[in-house]
Amino acid sequence: MSTVGNEGKAGDKVKVGIIGTGNISGIYLQNGQRFDSMEVVACADLDVERARARGEEFGIRGCSVEELLADPDIRMVINLTIPQAHAPVALQALEAGKHVYTEKPLAATREEGLQVLEAARSRGLLVGGAPDTFLGGGIQTCIKLIEDGAIGTPIGATAFMMGRGPEAWHPNPDFFYQHGGGPLFDMGPYYLTALIALLGPIKRAAGSARITFPERIATSEKLYGKKIPVETPTHIASVLDFESGPIATLLTSFDINGGSVLPRIELYGSEGTLLVPDPNTFDGPVKLRRAGEEAWSEVPLTHGKTENARGIGAADMAQAIRTGRPHRASGELAYHVLDAMYGILDSSAAGAHYSMRSTCPKPAAFPTGLADGELDG
């Protein structure tokens, strides 16, 4: 029988443990005390001393992974390990009877992603996954505009992530150019998750992908001159057909050395066009131009949580654990994004459309008027 919604009173915060205390853990720990639904009580890492130092910084317990998973009071794990460890750590947590929320991507492969979903399903546990930026005020405002008919019937969208690779500044850029890396797997989840939140699930995908430079040269101070072999495509163009009808173009690249002025996301409807903000942020601006108008209008945001609210997806999942309602940044959504990314590359290799093997519910919009720590009206 599912444990969801039966693990305590609705007023009880879900006790959460974080596994993985790298740089990104800071914002999760900071926001972990912000929402009414959850309380982060412990953090763990393979490097126990690092976990203890992080725990001391935020006034919580730092411990080993084994200790955290053995704690019966911890009902949910936030998995912030490296991408290759996402599925193994998630499976370990599920085996220990914990709900799991994982940083993007859900898993390194589709096969591992399916294993995580099935393990959760068989145990009556929840799985969720980043990115959760679509829950911020910017994209939630766009969703409300679409639902209110501001652009009529959605027809299509364009989305662009155009830039240089991270070897100029990142302290460890090698993994960006290994299998499972590249611009599509690094930044694509933000764009794909936003498009699915706006338009619903994807039906099929087509892609063309290339490795433009077979070797990259690091130029950061500590790694200057280091040669990095490139194993994964770094310029990927794709077309996505959505189940609801719209067709979107998504272009992601690490090969743009001369700059770009393309928008992040434009969404086209029968009665107007919507400029969607950067899907790697929680804020606006949101701009609208209706048919017959000569200028863009900036739309006041209808929803809050516009600053860095990373971790709101985990908090929303904790609320689902408390109440039994569906959660928005679901495992099915995270897997659908993973399936789409691999589908784009499969399409390029095969020279044919990829029919999606997965689907997911379109995430429910947040109601307006919520206080900062609230997730339900």
Protein backbone atom coordinates (compact mmCIF):
# COMPACT_ATOMS: atom_id res chain seq x y z
CA MET A 1 0.00 0.00 0.00
CA SER A 2 1.24 3.51 -0.79
CA THR A 3 2.65 5.47 2.10
CA VAL A 4 1.93 8.77 0.38
CA GLY A 5 -0.36 10.99 2.44
CA ASN A 6 -0.27 8.56 5.41
CA GLU A 7 3.07 9.53 6.97
CA GLY A 8 1.91 12.11 9.41
CA LYS A 9 -0.58 14.87 9.89
CA ALA A 10 -0.94 17.52 7.21
CA GLY A 11 0.60 20.00 9.67
CA ASP A 12 3.81 18.00 10.13
CA LYS A 13 6.76 19.03 8.04
CA VAL A 14 8.38 16.19 6.11
CA LYS A 15 11.88 15.60 7.46
CA VAL A 16 14.39 15.62 4.62
CA GLY A 17 18.01 14.55 4.21
CA ILE A 18 20.33 15.76 1.46
CA ILE A 19 22.88 13.43 -0.12
CA GLY A 20 25.69 15.27 -1.91
CA THR A 21 27.14 18.43 -0.36
CA GLY A 22 28.77 20.09 -3.38
CA ASN A 23 28.21 23.70 -4.43
CA ILE A 24 24.54 23.32 -5.36
CA SER A 25 23.65 22.01 -1.90
CA GLY A 26 23.94 25.54 -0.50
CA ILE A 27 20.78 26.89 -2.14
CA TYR A 28 18.82 23.72 -1.30
CA LEU A 29 19.86 24.02 2.34
CA GLN A 30 19.06 27.72 2.37
CA ASN A 31 15.59 27.18 0.88
CA GLY A 32 14.99 23.99 2.85
CA GLN A 33 13.78 26.04 5.81
CA ARG A 34 11.67 28.35 3.68
CA PHE A 35 8.65 26.21 2.83
CA ASP A 36 5.89 25.03 5.14
CA SER A 37 6.03 21.45 3.85
CA MET A 38 9.55 20.28 4.65
CA GLU A 39 12.46 20.58 7.05
CA VAL A 40 16.01 19.60 6.08
CA VAL A 41 17.50 17.90 9.14
CA ALA A 42 20.65 16.20 7.83
CA CYS A 43 23.14 16.14 4.97
CA ALA A 44 25.51 13.39 3.87
CA ASP A 45 28.38 12.84 1.47
CA LEU A 46 30.94 10.21 0.57
CA ASP A 47 33.35 12.72 2.13
CA VAL A 48 31.90 12.69 5.63
CA GLU A 49 34.06 15.60 6.80
CA ARG A 50 32.68 17.75 4.00
CA ALA A 51 29.14 16.76 5.03
CA ARG A 52 29.86 17.67 8.64
CA ALA A 53 31.29 21.03 7.63
CA ARG A 54 28.23 21.75 5.47
CA GLY A 55 25.91 20.65 8.26
CA GLU A 56 27.63 22.91 10.75
CA GLU A 57 27.30 25.82 8.34
CA PHE A 58 23.51 25.39 8.24
CA GLY A 59 22.93 24.13 11.77
CA ILE A 60 21.98 20.55 10.85
CA ARG A 61 23.57 17.14 11.26
CA GLY A 62 26.31 16.09 8.82
CA CYS A 63 26.82 12.36 8.51
CA SER A 64 27.59 9.41 6.25
CA VAL A 65 25.19 8.29 3.54
CA GLU A 66 24.55 5.06 5.44
CA GLU A 67 23.63 6.94 8.61
CA LEU A 68 21.24 9.21 6.77
CA LEU A 69 19.46 6.35 5.03
CA ALA A 70 19.14 4.44 8.31
CA ASP A 71 17.41 7.35 10.08
CA PRO A 72 13.71 6.41 10.38
CA ASP A 73 12.67 10.06 10.88
CA ILE A 74 13.95 11.07 7.45
CA ARG A 75 11.16 10.35 4.98
CA MET A 76 12.55 12.06 1.88
CA VAL A 77 15.99 12.33 0.28
CA ILE A 78 17.16 15.16 -1.99
CA ASN A 79 19.77 13.58 -4.26
CA LEU A 80 22.46 16.12 -5.26
CA THR A 81 25.16 13.69 -6.34
CA ILE A 82 26.94 13.76 -9.73
CA PRO A 83 24.72 12.73 -12.70
CA GLN A 84 26.27 9.27 -13.06
CA ALA A 85 25.34 8.53 -9.43
CA HIS A 86 21.77 9.86 -9.60
CA ALA A 87 20.10 6.50 -10.31
CA PRO A 88 22.26 4.33 -7.97
CA VAL A 89 21.74 6.73 -5.05
CA ALA A 90 18.01 7.07 -5.80
CA LEU A 91 17.62 3.28 -5.86
CA GLN A 92 19.51 3.00 -2.58
CA ALA A 93 17.23 5.58 -0.96
CA LEU A 94 14.07 3.93 -2.30
CA GLU A 95 15.30 0.58 -0.98
CA ALA A 96 15.57 2.29 2.43
CA GLY A 97 11.92 3.38 2.14
CA LYS A 98 12.57 7.06 1.38
CA HIS A 99 10.88 9.25 -1.22
CA VAL A 100 13.50 10.74 -3.58
CA TYR A 101 13.89 14.09 -5.34
CA THR A 102 16.87 14.17 -7.72
CA GLU A 103 18.83 16.97 -9.37
CA LYS A 104 18.72 16.90 -13.18
CA PRO A 105 18.94 14.63 -15.04
CA LEU A 106 16.83 11.92 -13.42
CA ALA A 107 19.37 9.30 -14.49
CA ALA A 108 22.31 8.84 -16.84
CA THR A 109 20.33 6.54 -19.17
CA ARG A 110 16.70 5.82 -19.99
CA GLU A 111 17.10 2.29 -18.64
CA GLU A 112 18.27 3.58 -15.26
CA GLY A 113 15.48 6.16 -15.23
CA LEU A 114 12.87 3.44 -15.73
CA GLN A 115 14.43 1.39 -12.93
CA VAL A 116 14.04 4.34 -10.56
CA LEU A 117 10.40 4.90 -11.51
CA GLU A 118 9.54 1.21 -11.19
CA ALA A 119 11.32 0.88 -7.83
CA ALA A 120 9.31 3.82 -6.49
CA ARG A 121 6.05 2.53 -7.93
CA SER A 122 6.53 -0.93 -6.43
CA ARG A 123 7.17 0.54 -2.98
CA GLY A 124 4.42 3.17 -3.02
CA LEU A 125 6.98 5.99 -2.89
CA LEU A 126 7.31 9.25 -4.78
CA VAL A 127 10.08 10.33 -7.15
CA GLY A 128 10.61 13.88 -8.32
CA GLY A 129 13.28 15.71 -10.23
CA ALA A 130 14.77 19.07 -11.13
CA PRO A 131 14.68 21.49 -12.79
CA ASP A 132 11.95 23.29 -10.87
CA THR A 133 12.46 26.76 -12.35
CA PHE A 134 9.14 26.39 -14.19
CA LEU A 135 7.48 26.80 -10.78
CA GLY A 136 8.81 30.34 -10.45
CA GLY A 137 6.76 33.46 -11.02
CA GLY A 138 7.99 34.05 -14.56
CA ILE A 139 6.91 30.82 -16.23
CA GLN A 140 3.86 30.43 -13.97
CA THR A 141 2.70 33.83 -15.26
CA CYS A 142 3.16 32.56 -18.83
CA ILE A 143 1.12 29.45 -18.06
CA LYS A 144 -1.70 31.59 -16.67
CA LEU A 145 -1.64 33.84 -19.76
CA ILE A 146 -1.95 30.80 -22.03
CA GLU A 147 -4.76 29.32 -19.93
CA ASP A 148 -6.56 32.69 -19.95
CA GLY A 149 -6.41 32.76 -23.76
CA ALA A 150 -4.03 35.72 -24.08
CA ILE A 151 -2.41 34.31 -27.25
CA GLY A 152 -5.33 32.19 -28.46
CA THR A 153 -4.55 28.62 -29.45
CA PRO A 154 -0.83 27.75 -29.11
CA ILE A 155 0.71 27.00 -32.52
CA GLY A 156 4.42 26.62 -31.89
CA ALA A 157 7.54 27.77 -30.09
CA THR A 158 11.22 28.45 -30.59
CA ALA A 159 13.85 27.98 -27.89
CA PHE A 160 17.55 28.80 -27.98
CA MET A 161 20.49 28.12 -25.66
CA MET A 162 23.43 29.53 -27.61
CA GLY A 163 26.84 30.09 -26.06
CA ARG A 164 30.42 29.07 -25.57
CA GLY A 165 31.39 25.97 -23.66
CA PRO A 166 32.34 26.09 -19.98
CA GLU A 167 36.05 25.32 -20.45
CA ALA A 168 36.85 29.04 -20.17
CA TRP A 169 35.76 29.24 -16.53
CA HIS A 170 34.63 25.91 -15.03
CA PRO A 171 37.03 24.29 -12.51
CA ASN A 172 36.25 20.79 -13.88
CA PRO A 173 34.86 21.09 -17.43
CA ASP A 174 35.75 17.59 -18.67
CA PHE A 175 32.37 16.00 -17.85
CA PHE A 176 30.55 18.57 -20.03
CA TYR A 177 32.14 16.89 -23.07
CA GLN A 178 31.67 13.27 -22.06
CA HIS A 179 28.68 11.04 -22.92
CA GLY A 180 25.65 12.37 -21.06
CA GLY A 181 27.02 15.92 -21.22
CA GLY A 182 26.98 18.61 -23.88
CA PRO A 183 24.59 21.56 -24.10
CA LEU A 184 21.50 19.38 -24.56
CA PHE A 185 21.96 17.42 -21.34
CA ASP A 186 23.43 20.34 -19.38
CA MET A 187 20.91 23.08 -20.24
CA GLY A 188 18.28 21.26 -22.28
CA PRO A 189 16.35 20.08 -19.20
CA TYR A 190 15.48 23.69 -18.32
CA TYR A 191 14.11 24.40 -21.81
CA LEU A 192 12.34 21.08 -22.29
CA THR A 193 10.76 21.16 -18.83
CA ALA A 194 9.53 24.71 -19.44
CA LEU A 195 8.08 23.78 -22.84
CA ILE A 196 6.28 20.76 -21.36
CA ALA A 197 4.92 22.90 -18.51
CA LEU A 198 3.62 25.38 -21.11
CA LEU A 199 2.39 22.99 -23.82
CA GLY A 200 2.12 19.50 -22.32
CA PRO A 201 3.95 16.29 -23.26
CA ILE A 202 5.92 15.65 -26.46
CA LYS A 203 4.73 13.17 -29.11
CA ARG A 204 7.82 12.85 -31.32
CA ALA A 205 11.22 14.46 -31.87
CA ALA A 206 13.65 14.98 -34.73
CA GLY A 207 17.24 16.11 -34.34
CA SER A 208 20.51 16.85 -36.06
CA ALA A 209 23.65 16.89 -33.94
CA ARG A 210 27.37 17.37 -34.49
CA ILE A 211 30.70 17.56 -32.70
CA THR A 212 32.12 20.78 -34.12
CA PHE A 213 35.48 20.81 -32.34
CA PRO A 214 36.89 17.35 -31.48
CA GLU A 215 39.06 18.89 -28.76
CA ARG A 216 38.59 21.79 -26.37
CA ILE A 217 41.33 23.81 -24.64
CA ALA A 218 40.70 24.92 -21.08
CA THR A 219 41.52 28.58 -20.46
CA SER A 220 40.70 28.93 -16.77
CA GLU A 221 43.64 29.94 -14.61
CA LYS A 222 44.23 26.57 -12.94
CA LEU A 223 43.66 24.43 -16.04
CA TYR A 224 45.05 26.73 -18.72
CA GLY A 225 46.09 24.78 -21.80
CA LYS A 226 44.57 21.46 -20.75
CA LYS A 227 43.22 19.51 -23.73
CA ILE A 228 39.70 18.05 -23.35
CA PRO A 229 38.55 15.38 -25.83
CA VAL A 230 34.93 15.84 -26.97
CA GLU A 231 32.79 12.67 -26.95
CA THR A 232 29.28 14.12 -27.26
CA PRO A 233 27.56 16.51 -29.69
CA THR A 234 28.00 20.20 -28.93
CA HIS A 235 25.59 21.71 -31.50
CA ILE A 236 22.11 20.16 -31.62
CA ALA A 237 19.10 21.35 -33.60
CA SER A 238 15.76 19.68 -32.93
CA VAL A 239 12.06 19.81 -33.76
CA LEU A 240 9.47 18.69 -31.21
CA ASP A 241 5.84 17.77 -31.95
CA PHE A 242 3.61 18.12 -28.89
CA GLU A 243 0.61 15.89 -28.20
CA SER A 244 -1.61 18.98 -28.00
CA GLY A 245 -0.62 20.11 -31.50
CA PRO A 246 2.11 22.79 -31.31
CA ILE A 247 5.50 22.29 -32.97
CA ALA A 248 8.63 23.68 -31.29
CA THR A 249 12.21 24.21 -32.43
CA LEU A 250 14.97 23.79 -29.84
CA LEU A 251 18.60 24.72 -30.57
CA THR A 252 21.34 24.15 -27.99
CA SER A 253 25.02 24.85 -28.60
CA PHE A 254 28.41 25.20 -26.92
CA ASP A 255 29.93 26.32 -30.24
CA ILE A 256 28.92 29.99 -30.41
CA ASN A 257 32.09 32.07 -30.13
CA GLY A 258 30.74 35.31 -31.60
CA GLY A 259 27.73 35.84 -29.37
CA SER A 260 23.99 35.57 -30.04
CA VAL A 261 20.94 37.84 -29.73
CA LEU A 262 18.31 35.13 -30.07
CA PRO A 263 15.54 35.01 -27.42
CA ARG A 264 15.38 32.24 -24.84
CA ILE A 265 11.83 31.08 -25.66
CA GLU A 266 9.12 32.55 -27.88
CA LEU A 267 5.66 30.98 -27.88
CA TYR A 268 3.31 31.64 -30.81
CA GLY A 269 -0.48 31.49 -30.70
CA SER A 270 -3.37 32.19 -33.05
CA GLU A 271 -3.94 35.59 -31.37
CA GLY A 272 -0.48 36.70 -30.26
CA THR A 273 3.09 35.93 -29.20
CA LEU A 274 4.55 35.45 -25.73
CA LEU A 275 8.19 36.07 -24.80
CA VAL A 276 8.99 33.54 -22.08
CA PRO A 277 11.81 34.41 -19.64
CA ASP A 278 15.07 32.48 -19.25
CA PRO A 279 13.99 29.00 -18.07
CA ASN A 280 17.09 28.79 -15.86
CA THR A 281 15.66 31.56 -13.67
CA PHE A 282 12.51 32.02 -11.59
CA ASP A 283 11.79 35.63 -12.54
CA GLY A 284 10.57 37.55 -15.61
CA PRO A 285 10.35 39.57 -17.67
CA VAL A 286 7.27 38.29 -19.49
CA LYS A 287 6.32 40.18 -22.65
CA LEU A 288 3.20 39.89 -24.79
CA ARG A 289 2.24 41.17 -28.22
CA ARG A 290 -1.30 40.47 -29.41
CA ALA A 291 -2.42 40.38 -33.02
CA GLY A 292 -2.79 43.92 -34.36
CA GLU A 293 -0.56 45.52 -31.72
CA GLU A 294 2.59 47.33 -32.83
CA ALA A 295 4.63 47.01 -29.65
CA TRP A 296 5.45 44.51 -26.91
CA SER A 297 3.92 44.98 -23.47
CA GLU A 298 5.62 43.76 -20.31
CA VAL A 299 3.11 41.78 -18.26
CA PRO A 300 3.18 42.16 -14.45
CA LEU A 301 3.96 38.80 -12.86
CA THR A 302 0.90 37.09 -11.41
CA HIS A 303 2.88 34.68 -9.20
CA GLY A 304 5.56 35.01 -6.56
CA LYS A 305 8.71 32.99 -5.85
CA THR A 306 10.67 35.01 -8.38
CA GLU A 307 14.09 34.98 -6.70
CA ASN A 308 16.26 31.86 -6.55
CA ALA A 309 13.68 29.36 -5.26
CA ARG A 310 15.64 26.24 -6.23
CA GLY A 311 14.25 23.40 -4.17
CA ILE A 312 10.62 24.46 -4.58
CA GLY A 313 10.04 21.26 -6.58
CA ALA A 314 11.24 19.21 -3.61
CA ALA A 315 9.04 21.24 -1.25
CA ASP A 316 6.05 20.67 -3.55
CA MET A 317 6.79 16.93 -3.47
CA ALA A 318 6.94 17.04 0.32
CA GLN A 319 3.50 18.66 0.26
CA ALA A 320 2.31 15.79 -1.94
CA ILE A 321 3.66 13.31 0.62
CA ARG A 322 1.68 15.11 3.33
CA THR A 323 -1.61 15.42 1.44
CA GLY A 324 -1.68 12.71 -1.25
CA ARG A 325 -2.14 15.18 -4.11
CA PRO A 326 0.08 14.91 -7.25
CA HIS A 327 3.37 16.78 -7.26
CA ARG A 328 4.43 19.06 -10.08
CA ALA A 329 8.14 18.29 -10.66
CA SER A 330 7.32 14.58 -10.93
CA GLY A 331 9.49 11.62 -11.81
CA GLU A 332 7.35 11.05 -14.89
CA LEU A 333 8.09 14.61 -16.07
CA ALA A 334 11.83 14.21 -15.40
CA TYR A 335 11.86 10.90 -17.27
CA HIS A 336 9.92 12.37 -20.21
CA VAL A 337 12.61 15.07 -20.51
CA LEU A 338 15.36 12.41 -20.36
CA ASP A 339 13.55 10.38 -23.04
CA ALA A 340 13.24 13.47 -25.26
CA MET A 341 16.95 14.33 -24.99
CA TYR A 342 18.05 10.84 -25.93
CA GLY A 343 15.34 10.76 -28.59
CA ILE A 344 16.79 13.88 -30.25
CA LEU A 345 20.22 12.25 -30.43
CA ASP A 346 18.72 8.92 -31.56
CA SER A 347 16.89 10.75 -34.35
CA SER A 348 20.11 12.38 -35.53
CA ALA A 349 21.93 9.04 -35.59
CA ALA A 350 19.09 7.21 -37.37
CA GLY A 351 18.04 10.00 -39.75
CA ALA A 352 14.39 9.54 -38.73
CA HIS A 353 11.82 10.88 -36.29
CA TYR A 354 11.87 9.44 -32.78
CA SER A 355 8.42 8.53 -31.43
CA MET A 356 8.42 9.17 -27.69
CA ARG A 357 8.21 6.06 -25.56
CA SER A 358 7.00 8.04 -22.56
CA THR A 359 4.49 10.67 -21.63
CA CYS A 360 3.63 12.62 -18.49
CA PRO A 361 0.85 14.78 -17.09
CA LYS A 362 1.14 18.50 -17.77
CA PRO A 363 2.09 19.92 -14.35
CA ALA A 364 -0.72 21.71 -12.56
CA ALA A 365 -0.31 25.48 -12.39
CA PHE A 366 0.13 27.16 -9.03
CA PRO A 367 -2.82 29.25 -7.84
CA THR A 368 -2.25 32.98 -7.53
CA GLY A 369 -2.03 34.76 -4.21
CA LEU A 370 0.15 32.27 -2.35
CA ALA A 371 2.37 33.47 0.47
CA ASP A 372 6.10 32.83 0.01
CA GLY A 373 6.23 29.55 1.94
CA GLU A 374 2.86 28.25 0.71
CA LEU A 375 2.35 25.71 -2.10
CA ASP A 376 -1.44 25.21 -2.02
CA GLY A 377 -4.30 27.68 -1.95
